[in-house]
Amino acid sequence: MHEQAAPPAETFSRGQRLAGAAVHLYTASGSVLGLMIVLAALEGEVEAALWLGLATLFIDGTDGMLARRFRVKETIPWFDGALLDNIVDYLTYVFAPIVLLWTTGHLPEGAAGWVVASIPLLASCYQFCRVDAKTSDHFFLGFPSYWNVVAFYVIVLDTGERVTTVALLVFAVLVFVPIRYLYPSRMGALRGVTLAFTLVWLVTYAVLVVQLPDPEPWVVAASLAYVAYYWGLSFWLTARGAGARRAARSVQGSQGD
């Protein structure tokens, strides 16, 4: 018998490879925005820092779709786009927001402030290094280090040091709790609805930055409604998935008897 020849490997044009490189550069540009956020925070330009934060959210929300569209894993197989994404996300979602909270006076003074600022940084180091931080069915496992969103609401609501400290500590603990959080651009059920609500939330983000330091209560409420939707659906899908996994184990156990 003759062995069947393996199909020839697909080749990609220079244009396709350049398109893949452009997507990676698009992702990497978030690191520059992270630096700009830190500089704006140090200079007391809070609104500018928040606008830059919105830009990083947009990049992070679209680069994955572009990567899949231009097949970057295939056109540039030697480049680790997931690692690049984690580096940029840590800078823009973790480090820069904590600097912003520090410079705006929302953290305690002295040694207590250093401790409170350090805890999210350390917790997110753990979260970003977990191989199962993103599940095979496209969820984030544990609080997905949305410290940029936490910092945004701390500034919008102008919470005091005590409330901010409690919030940071609670979310740091949730990094280690195996709740499955929505991954809007990759989820299956309710993806369209969730993406639409996410777009509305991004609009409310921009409106609230324009309205600072006195945002309209109804805009705040509309923005927080999305947060409630995100958390509520995450908890519900986590509970439903846990129930399904228990049922599957029960069936397997009964078949083994």
C-alpha atoms as a PDB file:
ATOM      1  CA  MET A   1       0.000   0.000   0.000  1.00  0.00           C
ATOM      2  CA  HIS A   2       1.203   3.453  -0.823  1.00  0.00           C
ATOM      3  CA  GLU A   3       1.146   6.013   1.954  1.00  0.00           C
ATOM      4  CA  GLN A   4      -1.085   8.958   1.175  1.00  0.00           C
ATOM      5  CA  ALA A   5       0.974  12.106   0.728  1.00  0.00           C
ATOM      6  CA  ALA A   6       0.368  14.884   3.235  1.00  0.00           C
ATOM      7  CA  PRO A   7      -1.411  17.885   1.770  1.00  0.00           C
ATOM      8  CA  PRO A   8       0.984  20.721   0.953  1.00  0.00           C
ATOM      9  CA  ALA A   9       1.292  23.390   3.610  1.00  0.00           C
ATOM     10  CA  GLU A  10      -0.626  26.531   2.809  1.00  0.00           C
ATOM     11  CA  THR A  11       1.550  29.410   1.742  1.00  0.00           C
ATOM     12  CA  PHE A  12       0.789  33.040   2.422  1.00  0.00           C
ATOM     13  CA  SER A  13       1.572  36.087   0.360  1.00  0.00           C
ATOM     14  CA  ARG A  14       3.701  38.965   1.605  1.00  0.00           C
ATOM     15  CA  GLY A  15       0.539  41.052   1.873  1.00  0.00           C
ATOM     16  CA  GLN A  16      -1.080  38.487   4.159  1.00  0.00           C
ATOM     17  CA  ARG A  17       2.001  38.354   6.367  1.00  0.00           C
ATOM     18  CA  LEU A  18       2.146  42.144   6.511  1.00  0.00           C
ATOM     19  CA  ALA A  19      -1.521  42.236   7.481  1.00  0.00           C
ATOM     20  CA  GLY A  20      -0.783  39.834  10.345  1.00  0.00           C
ATOM     21  CA  ALA A  21       2.147  41.990  11.452  1.00  0.00           C
ATOM     22  CA  ALA A  22      -0.087  45.074  11.347  1.00  0.00           C
ATOM     23  CA  VAL A  23      -2.571  43.374  13.681  1.00  0.00           C
ATOM     24  CA  HIS A  24       0.215  42.613  16.156  1.00  0.00           C
ATOM     25  CA  LEU A  25       1.406  46.215  15.911  1.00  0.00           C
ATOM     26  CA  TYR A  26      -2.163  47.350  16.576  1.00  0.00           C
ATOM     27  CA  THR A  27      -2.204  45.259  19.749  1.00  0.00           C
ATOM     28  CA  ALA A  28       1.249  46.484  20.773  1.00  0.00           C
ATOM     29  CA  SER A  29       0.155  50.119  20.418  1.00  0.00           C
ATOM     30  CA  GLY A  30      -1.772  49.610  23.639  1.00  0.00           C
ATOM     31  CA  SER A  31       1.540  49.557  25.514  1.00  0.00           C
ATOM     32  CA  VAL A  32       2.231  53.096  24.317  1.00  0.00           C
ATOM     33  CA  LEU A  33      -1.227  54.174  25.454  1.00  0.00           C
ATOM     34  CA  GLY A  34      -0.465  52.588  28.824  1.00  0.00           C
ATOM     35  CA  LEU A  35       2.603  54.804  29.151  1.00  0.00           C
ATOM     36  CA  MET A  36       0.514  57.822  28.172  1.00  0.00           C
ATOM     37  CA  ILE A  37      -2.052  56.945  30.856  1.00  0.00           C
ATOM     38  CA  VAL A  38       0.669  56.836  33.491  1.00  0.00           C
ATOM     39  CA  LEU A  39       2.124  60.163  32.330  1.00  0.00           C
ATOM     40  CA  ALA A  40      -1.328  61.773  32.280  1.00  0.00           C
ATOM     41  CA  ALA A  41      -1.981  60.451  35.791  1.00  0.00           C
ATOM     42  CA  LEU A  42       1.315  61.838  37.078  1.00  0.00           C
ATOM     43  CA  GLU A  43       0.489  65.213  35.551  1.00  0.00           C
ATOM     44  CA  GLY A  44      -2.985  65.259  37.104  1.00  0.00           C
ATOM     45  CA  GLU A  45      -4.793  65.024  33.769  1.00  0.00           C
ATOM     46  CA  VAL A  46      -7.470  62.589  34.923  1.00  0.00           C
ATOM     47  CA  GLU A  47      -9.865  63.040  32.010  1.00  0.00           C
ATOM     48  CA  ALA A  48      -7.046  62.508  29.507  1.00  0.00           C
ATOM     49  CA  ALA A  49      -6.060  59.310  31.321  1.00  0.00           C
ATOM     50  CA  LEU A  50      -9.644  58.057  31.135  1.00  0.00           C
ATOM     51  CA  TRP A  51      -9.929  58.871  27.422  1.00  0.00           C
ATOM     52  CA  LEU A  52      -6.733  56.934  26.815  1.00  0.00           C
ATOM     53  CA  GLY A  53      -8.193  54.108  28.879  1.00  0.00           C
ATOM     54  CA  LEU A  54     -11.211  54.064  26.578  1.00  0.00           C
ATOM     55  CA  ALA A  55      -8.881  53.787  23.597  1.00  0.00           C
ATOM     56  CA  THR A  56      -7.178  50.752  25.158  1.00  0.00           C
ATOM     57  CA  LEU A  57     -10.567  49.142  25.736  1.00  0.00           C
ATOM     58  CA  PHE A  58     -11.420  49.622  22.070  1.00  0.00           C
ATOM     59  CA  ILE A  59      -8.121  48.124  20.919  1.00  0.00           C
ATOM     60  CA  ASP A  60      -8.428  45.153  23.245  1.00  0.00           C
ATOM     61  CA  GLY A  61     -12.016  44.573  22.163  1.00  0.00           C
ATOM     62  CA  THR A  62     -11.187  44.530  18.455  1.00  0.00           C
ATOM     63  CA  ASP A  63      -7.683  43.122  18.052  1.00  0.00           C
ATOM     64  CA  GLY A  64      -8.783  39.541  18.680  1.00  0.00           C
ATOM     65  CA  MET A  65     -11.391  39.702  15.941  1.00  0.00           C
ATOM     66  CA  LEU A  66      -8.800  41.180  13.578  1.00  0.00           C
ATOM     67  CA  ALA A  67      -6.307  38.475  14.537  1.00  0.00           C
ATOM     68  CA  ARG A  68      -8.810  35.767  13.663  1.00  0.00           C
ATOM     69  CA  ARG A  69      -9.858  37.567  10.488  1.00  0.00           C
ATOM     70  CA  PHE A  70      -6.267  37.802   9.205  1.00  0.00           C
ATOM     71  CA  ARG A  71      -5.220  34.394  10.612  1.00  0.00           C
ATOM     72  CA  VAL A  72      -2.184  35.766  12.405  1.00  0.00           C
ATOM     73  CA  LYS A  73      -1.373  32.406  14.038  1.00  0.00           C
ATOM     74  CA  GLU A  74      -0.873  30.952  10.583  1.00  0.00           C
ATOM     75  CA  THR A  75       0.697  33.884   8.761  1.00  0.00           C
ATOM     76  CA  ILE A  76       3.226  34.589  11.559  1.00  0.00           C
ATOM     77  CA  PRO A  77       3.414  31.281  13.460  1.00  0.00           C
ATOM     78  CA  TRP A  78       6.646  32.132  15.262  1.00  0.00           C
ATOM     79  CA  PHE A  79       5.136  35.166  17.050  1.00  0.00           C
ATOM     80  CA  ASP A  80       3.180  34.663  20.293  1.00  0.00           C
ATOM     81  CA  GLY A  81       0.248  37.046  19.993  1.00  0.00           C
ATOM     82  CA  ALA A  82      -1.355  35.761  23.200  1.00  0.00           C
ATOM     83  CA  LEU A  83       1.752  36.696  25.177  1.00  0.00           C
ATOM     84  CA  LEU A  84       1.784  40.137  23.566  1.00  0.00           C
ATOM     85  CA  ASP A  85      -1.874  40.589  24.491  1.00  0.00           C
ATOM     86  CA  ASN A  86      -1.167  39.651  28.112  1.00  0.00           C
ATOM     87  CA  ILE A  87       1.750  42.084  28.353  1.00  0.00           C
ATOM     88  CA  VAL A  88      -0.319  44.955  26.987  1.00  0.00           C
ATOM     89  CA  ASP A  89      -3.360  44.064  29.096  1.00  0.00           C
ATOM     90  CA  TYR A  90      -1.289  43.986  32.276  1.00  0.00           C
ATOM     91  CA  LEU A  91       0.050  47.461  31.530  1.00  0.00           C
ATOM     92  CA  THR A  92      -3.284  48.995  30.568  1.00  0.00           C
ATOM     93  CA  TYR A  93      -5.752  47.036  32.698  1.00  0.00           C
ATOM     94  CA  VAL A  94      -3.662  46.671  35.858  1.00  0.00           C
ATOM     95  CA  PHE A  95      -0.561  48.811  36.246  1.00  0.00           C
ATOM     96  CA  ALA A  96      -1.734  52.103  34.717  1.00  0.00           C
ATOM     97  CA  PRO A  97      -5.122  52.123  36.549  1.00  0.00           C
ATOM     98  CA  ILE A  98      -3.440  51.548  39.913  1.00  0.00           C
ATOM     99  CA  VAL A  99      -1.096  54.464  39.200  1.00  0.00           C
ATOM    100  CA  LEU A 100      -4.152  56.571  38.348  1.00  0.00           C
ATOM    101  CA  LEU A 101      -5.831  55.663  41.645  1.00  0.00           C
ATOM    102  CA  TRP A 102      -2.623  56.531  43.477  1.00  0.00           C
ATOM    103  CA  THR A 103      -2.207  59.945  41.870  1.00  0.00           C
ATOM    104  CA  THR A 104      -5.866  60.901  42.329  1.00  0.00           C
ATOM    105  CA  GLY A 105      -5.677  60.334  46.088  1.00  0.00           C
ATOM    106  CA  HIS A 106      -8.120  57.447  46.264  1.00  0.00           C
ATOM    107  CA  LEU A 107      -5.694  55.150  48.071  1.00  0.00           C
ATOM    108  CA  PRO A 108      -4.626  55.415  51.712  1.00  0.00           C
ATOM    109  CA  GLU A 109      -1.508  57.375  52.543  1.00  0.00           C
ATOM    110  CA  GLY A 110       1.739  55.879  53.746  1.00  0.00           C
ATOM    111  CA  ALA A 111       2.525  52.186  54.074  1.00  0.00           C
ATOM    112  CA  ALA A 112      -1.152  51.201  53.925  1.00  0.00           C
ATOM    113  CA  GLY A 113      -1.415  52.763  50.477  1.00  0.00           C
ATOM    114  CA  TRP A 114       1.585  50.801  49.250  1.00  0.00           C
ATOM    115  CA  VAL A 115       0.041  47.562  50.490  1.00  0.00           C
ATOM    116  CA  VAL A 116      -3.362  48.276  48.967  1.00  0.00           C
ATOM    117  CA  ALA A 117      -1.792  49.240  45.632  1.00  0.00           C
ATOM    118  CA  SER A 118       0.404  46.140  45.634  1.00  0.00           C
ATOM    119  CA  ILE A 119      -2.360  43.599  46.173  1.00  0.00           C
ATOM    120  CA  PRO A 120      -4.089  44.035  42.771  1.00  0.00           C
ATOM    121  CA  LEU A 121      -0.702  44.043  41.033  1.00  0.00           C
ATOM    122  CA  LEU A 122       0.308  40.762  42.665  1.00  0.00           C
ATOM    123  CA  ALA A 123      -3.094  39.122  42.247  1.00  0.00           C
ATOM    124  CA  SER A 124      -3.081  39.954  38.548  1.00  0.00           C
ATOM    125  CA  CYS A 125       0.449  38.561  38.139  1.00  0.00           C
ATOM    126  CA  TYR A 126      -1.052  35.262  39.267  1.00  0.00           C
ATOM    127  CA  GLN A 127      -4.127  35.620  37.075  1.00  0.00           C
ATOM    128  CA  PHE A 128      -2.208  36.484  33.907  1.00  0.00           C
ATOM    129  CA  CYS A 129       0.113  33.498  34.354  1.00  0.00           C
ATOM    130  CA  ARG A 130      -2.631  30.893  34.744  1.00  0.00           C
ATOM    131  CA  VAL A 131      -2.841  28.639  31.726  1.00  0.00           C
ATOM    132  CA  ASP A 132      -6.589  28.282  32.331  1.00  0.00           C
ATOM    133  CA  ALA A 133      -7.263  32.012  32.770  1.00  0.00           C
ATOM    134  CA  LYS A 134      -9.260  31.754  29.535  1.00  0.00           C
ATOM    135  CA  THR A 135     -11.303  28.574  29.385  1.00  0.00           C
ATOM    136  CA  SER A 136     -11.719  26.376  26.342  1.00  0.00           C
ATOM    137  CA  ASP A 137     -15.360  27.483  26.083  1.00  0.00           C
ATOM    138  CA  HIS A 138     -14.330  31.159  26.065  1.00  0.00           C
ATOM    139  CA  PHE A 139     -14.793  32.489  29.574  1.00  0.00           C
ATOM    140  CA  PHE A 140     -12.415  34.263  31.913  1.00  0.00           C
ATOM    141  CA  LEU A 141     -11.804  32.132  34.998  1.00  0.00           C
ATOM    142  CA  GLY A 142     -11.644  34.365  38.069  1.00  0.00           C
ATOM    143  CA  PHE A 143     -12.015  38.144  38.085  1.00  0.00           C
ATOM    144  CA  PRO A 144     -10.367  39.130  34.783  1.00  0.00           C
ATOM    145  CA  SER A 145      -8.278  42.008  36.177  1.00  0.00           C
ATOM    146  CA  TYR A 146     -10.607  44.775  35.053  1.00  0.00           C
ATOM    147  CA  TRP A 147      -8.838  47.251  37.314  1.00  0.00           C
ATOM    148  CA  ASN A 148      -9.261  49.896  34.629  1.00  0.00           C
ATOM    149  CA  VAL A 149     -13.032  49.587  35.029  1.00  0.00           C
ATOM    150  CA  VAL A 150     -12.721  49.633  38.817  1.00  0.00           C
ATOM    151  CA  ALA A 151     -10.588  52.787  38.647  1.00  0.00           C
ATOM    152  CA  PHE A 152     -13.072  54.372  36.254  1.00  0.00           C
ATOM    153  CA  TYR A 153     -15.969  53.949  38.668  1.00  0.00           C
ATOM    154  CA  VAL A 154     -13.875  54.993  41.656  1.00  0.00           C
ATOM    155  CA  ILE A 155     -13.215  58.300  39.878  1.00  0.00           C
ATOM    156  CA  VAL A 156     -16.744  58.730  38.505  1.00  0.00           C
ATOM    157  CA  LEU A 157     -18.363  57.976  41.863  1.00  0.00           C
ATOM    158  CA  ASP A 158     -15.537  59.723  43.738  1.00  0.00           C
ATOM    159  CA  THR A 159     -15.352  57.003  46.363  1.00  0.00           C
ATOM    160  CA  GLY A 160     -13.320  57.587  49.506  1.00  0.00           C
ATOM    161  CA  GLU A 161     -10.171  55.772  50.543  1.00  0.00           C
ATOM    162  CA  ARG A 162     -12.051  53.232  52.649  1.00  0.00           C
ATOM    163  CA  VAL A 163     -14.556  52.254  49.950  1.00  0.00           C
ATOM    164  CA  THR A 164     -11.815  52.101  47.327  1.00  0.00           C
ATOM    165  CA  THR A 165      -9.659  49.920  49.556  1.00  0.00           C
ATOM    166  CA  VAL A 166     -12.501  47.486  50.234  1.00  0.00           C
ATOM    167  CA  ALA A 167     -13.315  47.302  46.522  1.00  0.00           C
ATOM    168  CA  LEU A 168      -9.721  46.569  45.563  1.00  0.00           C
ATOM    169  CA  LEU A 169      -9.384  43.874  48.216  1.00  0.00           C
ATOM    170  CA  VAL A 170     -12.681  42.197  47.284  1.00  0.00           C
ATOM    171  CA  PHE A 171     -11.837  42.095  43.577  1.00  0.00           C
ATOM    172  CA  ALA A 172      -8.332  40.835  44.351  1.00  0.00           C
ATOM    173  CA  VAL A 173      -9.873  37.907  46.253  1.00  0.00           C
ATOM    174  CA  LEU A 174     -12.241  37.254  43.331  1.00  0.00           C
ATOM    175  CA  VAL A 175      -9.205  36.709  41.093  1.00  0.00           C
ATOM    176  CA  PHE A 176      -8.784  33.387  42.921  1.00  0.00           C
ATOM    177  CA  VAL A 177     -12.477  32.392  42.958  1.00  0.00           C
ATOM    178  CA  PRO A 178     -13.329  30.161  39.943  1.00  0.00           C
ATOM    179  CA  ILE A 179     -16.281  32.170  38.676  1.00  0.00           C
ATOM    180  CA  ARG A 180     -16.580  32.228  34.881  1.00  0.00           C
ATOM    181  CA  TYR A 181     -16.805  35.780  33.562  1.00  0.00           C
ATOM    182  CA  LEU A 182     -18.136  36.738  30.160  1.00  0.00           C
ATOM    183  CA  TYR A 183     -15.745  37.102  27.245  1.00  0.00           C
ATOM    184  CA  PRO A 184     -18.098  39.250  25.123  1.00  0.00           C
ATOM    185  CA  SER A 185     -16.344  38.941  21.763  1.00  0.00           C
ATOM    186  CA  ARG A 186     -15.976  35.136  22.019  1.00  0.00           C
ATOM    187  CA  MET A 187     -19.085  33.983  23.902  1.00  0.00           C
ATOM    188  CA  GLY A 188     -21.717  31.785  22.281  1.00  0.00           C
ATOM    189  CA  ALA A 189     -25.141  32.330  23.843  1.00  0.00           C
ATOM    190  CA  LEU A 190     -26.398  35.934  23.919  1.00  0.00           C
ATOM    191  CA  ARG A 191     -23.287  37.159  22.112  1.00  0.00           C
ATOM    192  CA  GLY A 192     -25.140  39.696  19.974  1.00  0.00           C
ATOM    193  CA  VAL A 193     -27.091  41.116  22.899  1.00  0.00           C
ATOM    194  CA  THR A 194     -23.984  41.294  25.067  1.00  0.00           C
ATOM    195  CA  LEU A 195     -21.951  43.040  22.369  1.00  0.00           C
ATOM    196  CA  ALA A 196     -24.756  45.557  21.870  1.00  0.00           C
ATOM    197  CA  PHE A 197     -24.890  46.263  25.611  1.00  0.00           C
ATOM    198  CA  THR A 198     -21.094  46.539  25.664  1.00  0.00           C
ATOM    199  CA  LEU A 199     -21.234  49.170  22.926  1.00  0.00           C
ATOM    200  CA  VAL A 200     -23.827  51.120  24.915  1.00  0.00           C
ATOM    201  CA  TRP A 201     -21.570  50.881  27.958  1.00  0.00           C
ATOM    202  CA  LEU A 202     -18.645  52.300  25.989  1.00  0.00           C
ATOM    203  CA  VAL A 203     -20.858  55.226  24.977  1.00  0.00           C
ATOM    204  CA  THR A 204     -21.832  55.853  28.599  1.00  0.00           C
ATOM    205  CA  TYR A 205     -18.134  55.712  29.521  1.00  0.00           C
ATOM    206  CA  ALA A 206     -17.422  58.546  27.078  1.00  0.00           C
ATOM    207  CA  VAL A 207     -20.428  60.577  28.244  1.00  0.00           C
ATOM    208  CA  LEU A 208     -19.413  60.230  31.884  1.00  0.00           C
ATOM    209  CA  VAL A 209     -15.869  61.406  31.146  1.00  0.00           C
ATOM    210  CA  VAL A 210     -17.300  64.470  29.391  1.00  0.00           C
ATOM    211  CA  GLN A 211     -19.558  65.154  32.376  1.00  0.00           C
ATOM    212  CA  LEU A 212     -16.841  64.875  35.033  1.00  0.00           C
ATOM    213  CA  PRO A 213     -16.645  65.950  37.804  1.00  0.00           C
ATOM    214  CA  ASP A 214     -20.476  66.049  38.052  1.00  0.00           C
ATOM    215  CA  PRO A 215     -21.904  63.191  35.969  1.00  0.00           C
ATOM    216  CA  GLU A 216     -25.636  62.903  35.442  1.00  0.00           C
ATOM    217  CA  PRO A 217     -27.135  60.255  37.783  1.00  0.00           C
ATOM    218  CA  TRP A 218     -29.142  58.605  35.004  1.00  0.00           C
ATOM    219  CA  VAL A 219     -25.999  58.101  32.901  1.00  0.00           C
ATOM    220  CA  VAL A 220     -24.248  56.576  35.912  1.00  0.00           C
ATOM    221  CA  ALA A 221     -27.253  54.300  36.442  1.00  0.00           C
ATOM    222  CA  ALA A 222     -27.270  53.243  32.779  1.00  0.00           C
ATOM    223  CA  SER A 223     -23.556  52.486  32.950  1.00  0.00           C
ATOM    224  CA  LEU A 224     -23.901  50.459  36.137  1.00  0.00           C
ATOM    225  CA  ALA A 225     -26.837  48.548  34.632  1.00  0.00           C
ATOM    226  CA  TYR A 226     -24.406  46.978  32.174  1.00  0.00           C
ATOM    227  CA  VAL A 227     -22.092  46.033  35.040  1.00  0.00           C
ATOM    228  CA  ALA A 228     -25.043  44.353  36.777  1.00  0.00           C
ATOM    229  CA  TYR A 229     -25.909  42.522  33.537  1.00  0.00           C
ATOM    230  CA  TYR A 230     -22.295  41.371  33.078  1.00  0.00           C
ATOM    231  CA  TRP A 231     -21.967  40.062  36.623  1.00  0.00           C
ATOM    232  CA  GLY A 232     -25.447  38.572  36.748  1.00  0.00           C
ATOM    233  CA  LEU A 233     -25.044  36.672  33.487  1.00  0.00           C
ATOM    234  CA  SER A 234     -21.550  35.545  34.518  1.00  0.00           C
ATOM    235  CA  PHE A 235     -22.869  34.128  37.807  1.00  0.00           C
ATOM    236  CA  TRP A 236     -25.820  32.464  36.078  1.00  0.00           C
ATOM    237  CA  LEU A 237     -23.673  30.835  33.387  1.00  0.00           C
ATOM    238  CA  THR A 238     -21.173  29.721  36.037  1.00  0.00           C
ATOM    239  CA  ALA A 239     -23.947  28.079  38.068  1.00  0.00           C
ATOM    240  CA  ARG A 240     -25.512  26.500  34.970  1.00  0.00           C
ATOM    241  CA  GLY A 241     -22.158  25.162  33.807  1.00  0.00           C
ATOM    242  CA  ALA A 242     -21.383  23.735  37.248  1.00  0.00           C
ATOM    243  CA  GLY A 243     -24.775  21.984  37.281  1.00  0.00           C
ATOM    244  CA  ALA A 244     -24.164  20.516  33.830  1.00  0.00           C
ATOM    245  CA  ARG A 245     -20.718  19.275  34.839  1.00  0.00           C
ATOM    246  CA  ARG A 246     -22.126  17.648  37.992  1.00  0.00           C
ATOM    247  CA  ALA A 247     -24.838  15.947  35.937  1.00  0.00           C
ATOM    248  CA  ALA A 248     -22.252  14.667  33.459  1.00  0.00           C
ATOM    249  CA  ARG A 249     -20.091  13.267  36.248  1.00  0.00           C
ATOM    250  CA  SER A 250     -23.155  11.627  37.756  1.00  0.00           C
ATOM    251  CA  VAL A 251     -24.015   9.956  34.449  1.00  0.00           C
ATOM    252  CA  GLN A 252     -20.436   8.760  34.006  1.00  0.00           C
ATOM    253  CA  GLY A 253     -20.402   7.407  37.536  1.00  0.00           C
ATOM    254  CA  SER A 254     -23.632   5.485  37.014  1.00  0.00           C
ATOM    255  CA  GLN A 255     -22.335   4.023  33.742  1.00  0.00           C
ATOM    256  CA  GLY A 256     -19.204   2.827  35.517  1.00  0.00           C
ATOM    257  CA  ASP A 257     -21.213   0.847  38.097  1.00  0.00           C
END
